[in-house]
Amino acid sequence: MPPLPTQEVTAKDLIARYEVSKQTLYTRLSAVEVSGTRRGKQVFFSPVEVHQLDAAHHWLSKGYGLKDLRDAAAGFKDGSAVVDVDADSAGVTPARQEQMELTIAP
């Protein structure tokens, strides 16, 4: 995947970046609740929003679905997915500890 842009990009740029259709892009935007900024007839996306979409693209490329993505994105926005776990105090051994991470925002 190309490096993060330093300036705002358009939906056309994102379609080329992720090699998806326009409909797929807008479905993903809805799932992670990224809306961009409309100026005239075009919508522009900031580097932070592109980072969120990169994380979503990575998440989906690992075989997870849009429902999983929506749930993870909602958890990171409201803080419910952020859990401070001390493996020793929780009685979880490193061999039994399973962890999954998704970074939505930088």
C-alpha atoms as a PDB file:
ATOM      1  CA  MET A   1       0.000   0.000   0.000  1.00  0.00           C
ATOM      2  CA  PRO A   2       1.307   3.509  -0.760  1.00  0.00           C
ATOM      3  CA  PRO A   3       2.452   5.712   2.138  1.00  0.00           C
ATOM      4  CA  LEU A   4      -0.061   7.958   3.867  1.00  0.00           C
ATOM      5  CA  PRO A   5      -0.761  11.132   1.917  1.00  0.00           C
ATOM      6  CA  THR A   6       0.336  14.440   3.398  1.00  0.00           C
ATOM      7  CA  GLN A   7      -2.621  16.325   1.930  1.00  0.00           C
ATOM      8  CA  GLU A   8      -6.309  15.617   1.510  1.00  0.00           C
ATOM      9  CA  VAL A   9      -7.298  13.112  -1.167  1.00  0.00           C
ATOM     10  CA  THR A  10     -10.497  12.524  -3.143  1.00  0.00           C
ATOM     11  CA  ALA A  11     -12.715   9.476  -3.296  1.00  0.00           C
ATOM     12  CA  LYS A  12     -11.204   8.693  -6.721  1.00  0.00           C
ATOM     13  CA  ASP A  13      -7.771   8.563  -5.107  1.00  0.00           C
ATOM     14  CA  LEU A  14      -9.071   6.168  -2.440  1.00  0.00           C
ATOM     15  CA  ILE A  15     -10.713   3.936  -5.038  1.00  0.00           C
ATOM     16  CA  ALA A  16      -7.339   3.640  -6.777  1.00  0.00           C
ATOM     17  CA  ARG A  17      -5.489   3.201  -3.454  1.00  0.00           C
ATOM     18  CA  TYR A  18      -7.611   0.243  -2.320  1.00  0.00           C
ATOM     19  CA  GLU A  19      -8.465  -1.067  -5.807  1.00  0.00           C
ATOM     20  CA  VAL A  20     -12.176  -1.272  -4.968  1.00  0.00           C
ATOM     21  CA  SER A  21     -15.365  -0.034  -6.574  1.00  0.00           C
ATOM     22  CA  LYS A  22     -17.029   3.232  -5.636  1.00  0.00           C
ATOM     23  CA  GLN A  23     -19.837   1.335  -3.892  1.00  0.00           C
ATOM     24  CA  THR A  24     -17.353  -0.729  -1.871  1.00  0.00           C
ATOM     25  CA  LEU A  25     -15.504   2.413  -0.809  1.00  0.00           C
ATOM     26  CA  TYR A  26     -18.692   4.101   0.390  1.00  0.00           C
ATOM     27  CA  THR A  27     -19.755   0.939   2.228  1.00  0.00           C
ATOM     28  CA  ARG A  28     -16.426   0.957   4.066  1.00  0.00           C
ATOM     29  CA  LEU A  29     -16.712   4.683   4.788  1.00  0.00           C
ATOM     30  CA  SER A  30     -20.079   4.058   6.366  1.00  0.00           C
ATOM     31  CA  ALA A  31     -18.768   1.114   8.406  1.00  0.00           C
ATOM     32  CA  VAL A  32     -15.978   3.149  10.026  1.00  0.00           C
ATOM     33  CA  GLU A  33     -18.060   6.335  10.119  1.00  0.00           C
ATOM     34  CA  VAL A  34     -15.688   8.405   8.009  1.00  0.00           C
ATOM     35  CA  SER A  35     -17.472  11.068   5.989  1.00  0.00           C
ATOM     36  CA  GLY A  36     -14.772  13.354   4.635  1.00  0.00           C
ATOM     37  CA  THR A  37     -15.320  17.032   3.856  1.00  0.00           C
ATOM     38  CA  ARG A  38     -17.487  18.065   0.928  1.00  0.00           C
ATOM     39  CA  ARG A  39     -16.280  20.975  -1.165  1.00  0.00           C
ATOM     40  CA  GLY A  40     -18.433  21.639  -4.173  1.00  0.00           C
ATOM     41  CA  LYS A  41     -19.067  18.358  -5.948  1.00  0.00           C
ATOM     42  CA  GLN A  42     -16.079  16.530  -4.446  1.00  0.00           C
ATOM     43  CA  VAL A  43     -15.444  14.943  -1.074  1.00  0.00           C
ATOM     44  CA  PHE A  44     -11.960  15.207   0.409  1.00  0.00           C
ATOM     45  CA  PHE A  45     -10.451  12.921   3.040  1.00  0.00           C
ATOM     46  CA  SER A  46      -7.755  14.008   5.492  1.00  0.00           C
ATOM     47  CA  PRO A  47      -4.612  11.949   6.180  1.00  0.00           C
ATOM     48  CA  VAL A  48      -6.146  10.881   9.527  1.00  0.00           C
ATOM     49  CA  GLU A  49      -9.237   9.577   7.742  1.00  0.00           C
ATOM     50  CA  VAL A  50      -7.042   7.790   5.198  1.00  0.00           C
ATOM     51  CA  HIS A  51      -5.202   6.161   8.113  1.00  0.00           C
ATOM     52  CA  GLN A  52      -8.544   4.930   9.473  1.00  0.00           C
ATOM     53  CA  LEU A  53      -9.445   3.548   6.063  1.00  0.00           C
ATOM     54  CA  ASP A  54      -6.032   1.883   5.758  1.00  0.00           C
ATOM     55  CA  ALA A  55      -6.686   0.127   9.074  1.00  0.00           C
ATOM     56  CA  ALA A  56     -10.131  -0.921   7.845  1.00  0.00           C
ATOM     57  CA  HIS A  57      -8.638  -2.203   4.587  1.00  0.00           C
ATOM     58  CA  HIS A  58      -6.055  -4.218   6.528  1.00  0.00           C
ATOM     59  CA  TRP A  59      -8.758  -5.597   8.858  1.00  0.00           C
ATOM     60  CA  LEU A  60     -10.916  -6.673   5.913  1.00  0.00           C
ATOM     61  CA  SER A  61      -7.945  -8.188   4.064  1.00  0.00           C
ATOM     62  CA  LYS A  62      -7.412 -10.502   7.054  1.00  0.00           C
ATOM     63  CA  GLY A  63     -10.813 -12.080   6.396  1.00  0.00           C
ATOM     64  CA  TYR A  64     -12.972 -10.125   8.828  1.00  0.00           C
ATOM     65  CA  GLY A  65     -16.336  -8.827   7.654  1.00  0.00           C
ATOM     66  CA  LEU A  66     -17.989  -5.426   7.713  1.00  0.00           C
ATOM     67  CA  LYS A  67     -19.978  -6.316  10.837  1.00  0.00           C
ATOM     68  CA  ASP A  68     -16.713  -7.077  12.657  1.00  0.00           C
ATOM     69  CA  LEU A  69     -15.303  -3.798  11.384  1.00  0.00           C
ATOM     70  CA  ARG A  70     -18.358  -1.809  12.525  1.00  0.00           C
ATOM     71  CA  ASP A  71     -18.210  -3.411  15.977  1.00  0.00           C
ATOM     72  CA  ALA A  72     -14.478  -2.727  16.337  1.00  0.00           C
ATOM     73  CA  ALA A  73     -14.792   0.861  15.086  1.00  0.00           C
ATOM     74  CA  ALA A  74     -17.677   1.551  17.494  1.00  0.00           C
ATOM     75  CA  GLY A  75     -15.704   0.088  20.389  1.00  0.00           C
ATOM     76  CA  PHE A  76     -12.733   2.314  19.713  1.00  0.00           C
ATOM     77  CA  LYS A  77     -14.921   5.426  19.476  1.00  0.00           C
ATOM     78  CA  ASP A  78     -16.757   4.867  22.758  1.00  0.00           C
ATOM     79  CA  GLY A  79     -13.779   3.344  24.576  1.00  0.00           C
ATOM     80  CA  SER A  80     -15.436  -0.011  25.308  1.00  0.00           C
ATOM     81  CA  ALA A  81     -12.883  -1.933  23.219  1.00  0.00           C
ATOM     82  CA  VAL A  82      -9.985  -0.496  25.164  1.00  0.00           C
ATOM     83  CA  VAL A  83      -9.261  -2.814  28.060  1.00  0.00           C
ATOM     84  CA  ASP A  84      -6.252  -2.680  30.349  1.00  0.00           C
ATOM     85  CA  VAL A  85      -5.405  -6.282  31.111  1.00  0.00           C
ATOM     86  CA  ASP A  86      -2.597  -7.323  33.391  1.00  0.00           C
ATOM     87  CA  ALA A  87      -1.935 -10.939  32.376  1.00  0.00           C
ATOM     88  CA  ASP A  88      -0.525 -11.896  35.793  1.00  0.00           C
ATOM     89  CA  SER A  89      -3.404 -10.514  37.858  1.00  0.00           C
ATOM     90  CA  ALA A  90      -6.071 -11.842  35.502  1.00  0.00           C
ATOM     91  CA  GLY A  91      -4.752 -15.406  35.842  1.00  0.00           C
ATOM     92  CA  VAL A  92      -4.068 -15.652  32.125  1.00  0.00           C
ATOM     93  CA  THR A  93      -0.855 -17.288  31.060  1.00  0.00           C
ATOM     94  CA  PRO A  94       0.910 -15.901  27.982  1.00  0.00           C
ATOM     95  CA  ALA A  95       0.292 -19.195  26.169  1.00  0.00           C
ATOM     96  CA  ARG A  96      -3.468 -18.882  26.702  1.00  0.00           C
ATOM     97  CA  GLN A  97      -3.701 -15.149  26.132  1.00  0.00           C
ATOM     98  CA  GLU A  98      -5.220 -14.304  22.752  1.00  0.00           C
ATOM     99  CA  GLN A  99      -5.045 -10.783  21.451  1.00  0.00           C
ATOM    100  CA  MET A 100      -6.447  -9.009  18.436  1.00  0.00           C
ATOM    101  CA  GLU A 101      -5.735  -5.383  17.573  1.00  0.00           C
ATOM    102  CA  LEU A 102      -7.194  -2.880  15.153  1.00  0.00           C
ATOM    103  CA  THR A 103      -5.918   0.653  15.022  1.00  0.00           C
ATOM    104  CA  ILE A 104      -8.527   3.020  13.681  1.00  0.00           C
ATOM    105  CA  ALA A 105      -6.912   6.338  14.525  1.00  0.00           C
ATOM    106  CA  PRO A 106      -3.254   7.363  14.707  1.00  0.00           C
END
